[in-house]
N, C-alpha and C. Protein backbone atom coordinates (compact mmCIF):
# COMPACT_ATOMS: atom_id res chain seq x y z
N MET A 1 -39.77 -97.69 -81.86
CA MET A 1 -38.65 -98.51 -82.22
C MET A 1 -38.95 -99.21 -83.54
N THR A 2 -37.95 -99.35 -84.37
CA THR A 2 -38.12 -99.98 -85.68
C THR A 2 -37.83 -101.46 -85.60
N ASP A 3 -38.59 -102.25 -86.33
CA ASP A 3 -38.35 -103.69 -86.41
C ASP A 3 -37.47 -103.99 -87.61
N ILE A 4 -36.56 -104.94 -87.44
CA ILE A 4 -35.81 -105.48 -88.58
C ILE A 4 -35.90 -106.99 -88.49
N SER A 5 -35.69 -107.64 -89.59
CA SER A 5 -35.70 -109.10 -89.58
C SER A 5 -34.48 -109.59 -90.33
N PHE A 6 -34.08 -110.80 -90.01
CA PHE A 6 -32.96 -111.42 -90.71
C PHE A 6 -33.19 -112.92 -90.75
N SER A 7 -32.52 -113.57 -91.65
CA SER A 7 -32.70 -115.00 -91.84
C SER A 7 -31.67 -115.78 -91.04
N VAL A 8 -32.09 -116.93 -90.56
CA VAL A 8 -31.18 -117.88 -89.94
C VAL A 8 -31.43 -119.24 -90.58
N SER A 9 -30.43 -120.07 -90.54
CA SER A 9 -30.58 -121.40 -91.13
C SER A 9 -31.56 -122.24 -90.31
N GLU A 10 -32.08 -123.27 -90.93
CA GLU A 10 -33.00 -124.17 -90.22
C GLU A 10 -32.29 -124.79 -89.02
N GLU A 11 -31.04 -125.15 -89.18
CA GLU A 11 -30.27 -125.75 -88.09
C GLU A 11 -30.13 -124.79 -86.91
N LEU A 12 -29.82 -123.53 -87.21
CA LEU A 12 -29.69 -122.54 -86.14
C LEU A 12 -31.04 -122.32 -85.45
N LEU A 13 -32.09 -122.23 -86.22
CA LEU A 13 -33.43 -122.06 -85.63
C LEU A 13 -33.79 -123.24 -84.73
N LYS A 14 -33.46 -124.42 -85.17
CA LYS A 14 -33.72 -125.62 -84.38
C LYS A 14 -32.97 -125.55 -83.05
N ARG A 15 -31.72 -125.13 -83.09
CA ARG A 15 -30.94 -125.00 -81.87
C ARG A 15 -31.50 -123.91 -80.96
N MET A 16 -31.93 -122.81 -81.56
CA MET A 16 -32.50 -121.71 -80.77
C MET A 16 -33.79 -122.14 -80.07
N LYS A 17 -34.58 -122.95 -80.73
CA LYS A 17 -35.85 -123.39 -80.17
C LYS A 17 -35.67 -124.26 -78.93
N LYS A 18 -34.47 -124.79 -78.74
CA LYS A 18 -34.20 -125.58 -77.53
C LYS A 18 -34.24 -124.70 -76.27
N TYR A 19 -34.13 -123.40 -76.47
CA TYR A 19 -34.07 -122.45 -75.36
C TYR A 19 -35.14 -121.38 -75.52
N PRO A 20 -36.39 -121.76 -75.40
CA PRO A 20 -37.47 -120.79 -75.64
C PRO A 20 -37.51 -119.66 -74.61
N GLU A 21 -36.85 -119.85 -73.49
CA GLU A 21 -36.83 -118.81 -72.46
C GLU A 21 -35.90 -117.64 -72.81
N ILE A 22 -35.05 -117.85 -73.80
CA ILE A 22 -34.11 -116.81 -74.22
C ILE A 22 -34.81 -115.81 -75.12
N LYS A 23 -34.62 -114.53 -74.84
CA LYS A 23 -35.16 -113.47 -75.70
C LYS A 23 -34.12 -113.19 -76.78
N TRP A 24 -34.25 -113.88 -77.90
CA TRP A 24 -33.24 -113.81 -78.95
C TRP A 24 -33.14 -112.42 -79.56
N ASP A 25 -34.21 -111.66 -79.55
CA ASP A 25 -34.14 -110.30 -80.07
C ASP A 25 -33.22 -109.45 -79.19
N THR A 26 -33.22 -109.71 -77.89
CA THR A 26 -32.33 -108.98 -76.99
C THR A 26 -30.87 -109.35 -77.26
N ILE A 27 -30.63 -110.63 -77.51
CA ILE A 27 -29.28 -111.10 -77.82
C ILE A 27 -28.80 -110.45 -79.12
N ALA A 28 -29.65 -110.45 -80.13
CA ALA A 28 -29.28 -109.86 -81.41
C ALA A 28 -29.02 -108.36 -81.26
N HIS A 29 -29.87 -107.68 -80.50
CA HIS A 29 -29.71 -106.24 -80.27
C HIS A 29 -28.37 -105.96 -79.60
N ALA A 30 -28.02 -106.75 -78.59
CA ALA A 30 -26.76 -106.57 -77.88
C ALA A 30 -25.57 -106.82 -78.81
N ALA A 31 -25.68 -107.83 -79.66
CA ALA A 31 -24.60 -108.14 -80.58
C ALA A 31 -24.38 -107.00 -81.59
N VAL A 32 -25.46 -106.46 -82.11
CA VAL A 32 -25.36 -105.33 -83.05
C VAL A 32 -24.76 -104.12 -82.34
N GLU A 33 -25.23 -103.84 -81.15
CA GLU A 33 -24.72 -102.70 -80.38
C GLU A 33 -23.22 -102.85 -80.12
N ASN A 34 -22.81 -104.04 -79.71
CA ASN A 34 -21.40 -104.31 -79.44
C ASN A 34 -20.56 -104.13 -80.70
N TYR A 35 -21.03 -104.64 -81.81
CA TYR A 35 -20.30 -104.54 -83.07
C TYR A 35 -20.18 -103.07 -83.51
N LEU A 36 -21.26 -102.33 -83.35
CA LEU A 36 -21.23 -100.91 -83.71
C LEU A 36 -20.24 -100.13 -82.84
N GLU A 37 -20.18 -100.46 -81.56
CA GLU A 37 -19.21 -99.79 -80.68
C GLU A 37 -17.78 -100.04 -81.15
N LYS A 38 -17.50 -101.27 -81.56
CA LYS A 38 -16.16 -101.58 -82.07
C LYS A 38 -15.86 -100.80 -83.35
N LEU A 39 -16.83 -100.72 -84.23
CA LEU A 39 -16.65 -99.96 -85.47
C LEU A 39 -16.42 -98.48 -85.18
N GLU A 40 -17.17 -97.94 -84.24
CA GLU A 40 -17.03 -96.52 -83.91
C GLU A 40 -15.68 -96.22 -83.27
N ILE A 41 -15.18 -97.15 -82.46
CA ILE A 41 -13.84 -96.99 -81.89
C ILE A 41 -12.80 -97.02 -83.00
N ALA A 42 -12.95 -97.96 -83.92
CA ALA A 42 -12.01 -98.05 -85.05
C ALA A 42 -12.05 -96.78 -85.89
N ASP A 43 -13.25 -96.26 -86.12
CA ASP A 43 -13.39 -95.01 -86.87
C ASP A 43 -12.68 -93.86 -86.16
N LYS A 44 -12.86 -93.80 -84.84
CA LYS A 44 -12.24 -92.73 -84.07
C LYS A 44 -10.71 -92.82 -84.14
N ILE A 45 -10.19 -94.03 -84.03
CA ILE A 45 -8.74 -94.24 -84.08
C ILE A 45 -8.18 -93.87 -85.45
N THR A 46 -8.87 -94.30 -86.48
CA THR A 46 -8.35 -94.11 -87.83
C THR A 46 -8.66 -92.74 -88.42
N SER A 47 -9.57 -91.99 -87.82
CA SER A 47 -9.97 -90.72 -88.40
C SER A 47 -8.81 -89.73 -88.49
N LYS A 48 -7.86 -89.82 -87.60
CA LYS A 48 -6.73 -88.90 -87.60
C LYS A 48 -5.47 -89.53 -88.18
N SER A 49 -5.60 -90.75 -88.65
CA SER A 49 -4.44 -91.48 -89.16
C SER A 49 -4.08 -91.02 -90.57
N THR A 50 -2.80 -90.98 -90.84
CA THR A 50 -2.32 -90.67 -92.19
C THR A 50 -1.78 -91.94 -92.85
N PHE A 51 -1.93 -93.07 -92.18
CA PHE A 51 -1.47 -94.36 -92.68
C PHE A 51 -2.31 -94.75 -93.89
N THR A 52 -1.64 -95.08 -94.99
CA THR A 52 -2.34 -95.40 -96.23
C THR A 52 -2.18 -96.87 -96.57
N LEU A 53 -2.93 -97.32 -97.57
CA LEU A 53 -2.78 -98.69 -98.05
C LEU A 53 -1.38 -98.91 -98.62
N ASP A 54 -0.82 -97.89 -99.25
CA ASP A 54 0.55 -98.00 -99.76
C ASP A 54 1.54 -98.19 -98.61
N ASP A 55 1.32 -97.48 -97.50
CA ASP A 55 2.17 -97.65 -96.32
C ASP A 55 2.08 -99.09 -95.81
N ALA A 56 0.88 -99.62 -95.76
CA ALA A 56 0.67 -100.99 -95.28
C ALA A 56 1.37 -101.98 -96.19
N GLU A 57 1.28 -101.76 -97.50
CA GLU A 57 1.93 -102.65 -98.46
C GLU A 57 3.44 -102.58 -98.30
N THR A 58 3.98 -101.39 -98.13
CA THR A 58 5.43 -101.22 -97.95
C THR A 58 5.90 -101.96 -96.70
N ILE A 59 5.20 -101.77 -95.61
CA ILE A 59 5.58 -102.45 -94.36
C ILE A 59 5.44 -103.96 -94.52
N GLY A 60 4.37 -104.40 -95.15
CA GLY A 60 4.17 -105.83 -95.38
C GLY A 60 5.30 -106.43 -96.20
N ASN A 61 5.72 -105.72 -97.23
CA ASN A 61 6.83 -106.21 -98.06
C ASN A 61 8.13 -106.27 -97.28
N GLU A 62 8.37 -105.29 -96.42
CA GLU A 62 9.57 -105.28 -95.59
C GLU A 62 9.58 -106.46 -94.62
N VAL A 63 8.42 -106.74 -94.03
CA VAL A 63 8.32 -107.87 -93.11
C VAL A 63 8.57 -109.18 -93.86
N LYS A 64 7.95 -109.33 -95.03
CA LYS A 64 8.15 -110.55 -95.82
C LYS A 64 9.63 -110.73 -96.18
N GLN A 65 10.29 -109.64 -96.54
CA GLN A 65 11.69 -109.71 -96.90
C GLN A 65 12.54 -110.17 -95.72
N LYS A 66 12.30 -109.62 -94.54
CA LYS A 66 13.05 -110.00 -93.34
C LYS A 66 12.81 -111.46 -92.99
N ILE A 67 11.57 -111.91 -93.10
CA ILE A 67 11.26 -113.31 -92.82
C ILE A 67 11.98 -114.21 -93.81
N TRP A 68 11.94 -113.83 -95.10
CA TRP A 68 12.61 -114.63 -96.11
C TRP A 68 14.11 -114.70 -95.83
N GLU A 69 14.72 -113.61 -95.44
CA GLU A 69 16.16 -113.61 -95.14
C GLU A 69 16.48 -114.58 -94.01
N LYS A 70 15.67 -114.62 -92.97
CA LYS A 70 15.89 -115.56 -91.87
C LYS A 70 15.72 -117.00 -92.33
N HIS A 71 14.69 -117.26 -93.13
CA HIS A 71 14.48 -118.61 -93.64
C HIS A 71 15.60 -119.03 -94.58
N LYS A 72 16.06 -118.11 -95.38
CA LYS A 72 17.14 -118.41 -96.33
C LYS A 72 18.40 -118.82 -95.57
N ILE A 73 18.75 -118.09 -94.52
CA ILE A 73 19.91 -118.44 -93.71
C ILE A 73 19.72 -119.83 -93.09
N TYR A 74 18.54 -120.09 -92.60
CA TYR A 74 18.24 -121.41 -92.02
C TYR A 74 18.40 -122.51 -93.06
N LEU A 75 17.84 -122.30 -94.24
CA LEU A 75 17.93 -123.32 -95.30
C LEU A 75 19.37 -123.53 -95.77
N GLU A 76 20.14 -122.47 -95.81
CA GLU A 76 21.54 -122.58 -96.25
C GLU A 76 22.37 -123.38 -95.24
N ASN A 77 21.95 -123.41 -93.98
CA ASN A 77 22.70 -124.09 -92.94
C ASN A 77 22.20 -125.50 -92.66
N LEU A 78 21.26 -125.98 -93.44
CA LEU A 78 20.78 -127.35 -93.27
C LEU A 78 21.87 -128.31 -93.76
N PRO A 79 22.02 -129.45 -93.09
CA PRO A 79 23.04 -130.43 -93.55
C PRO A 79 22.71 -131.04 -94.88
């Protein structure tokens, strides 16, 4: 197994030292594993997608326009 190291702030280290019975390397390993699983699921979902950044921008602009239209009607009807 390969070792890796990472930095934590003094404050975080101080808080961790309150719980010396905790195997922090196990916690970190589980967190990395969990994060990787989420990334792999996202990769699997998006690998077959044809959705582009331009598509996202188009949809975003349409949503903004609809929201603005509703707000405009509301503002026009204020006393």
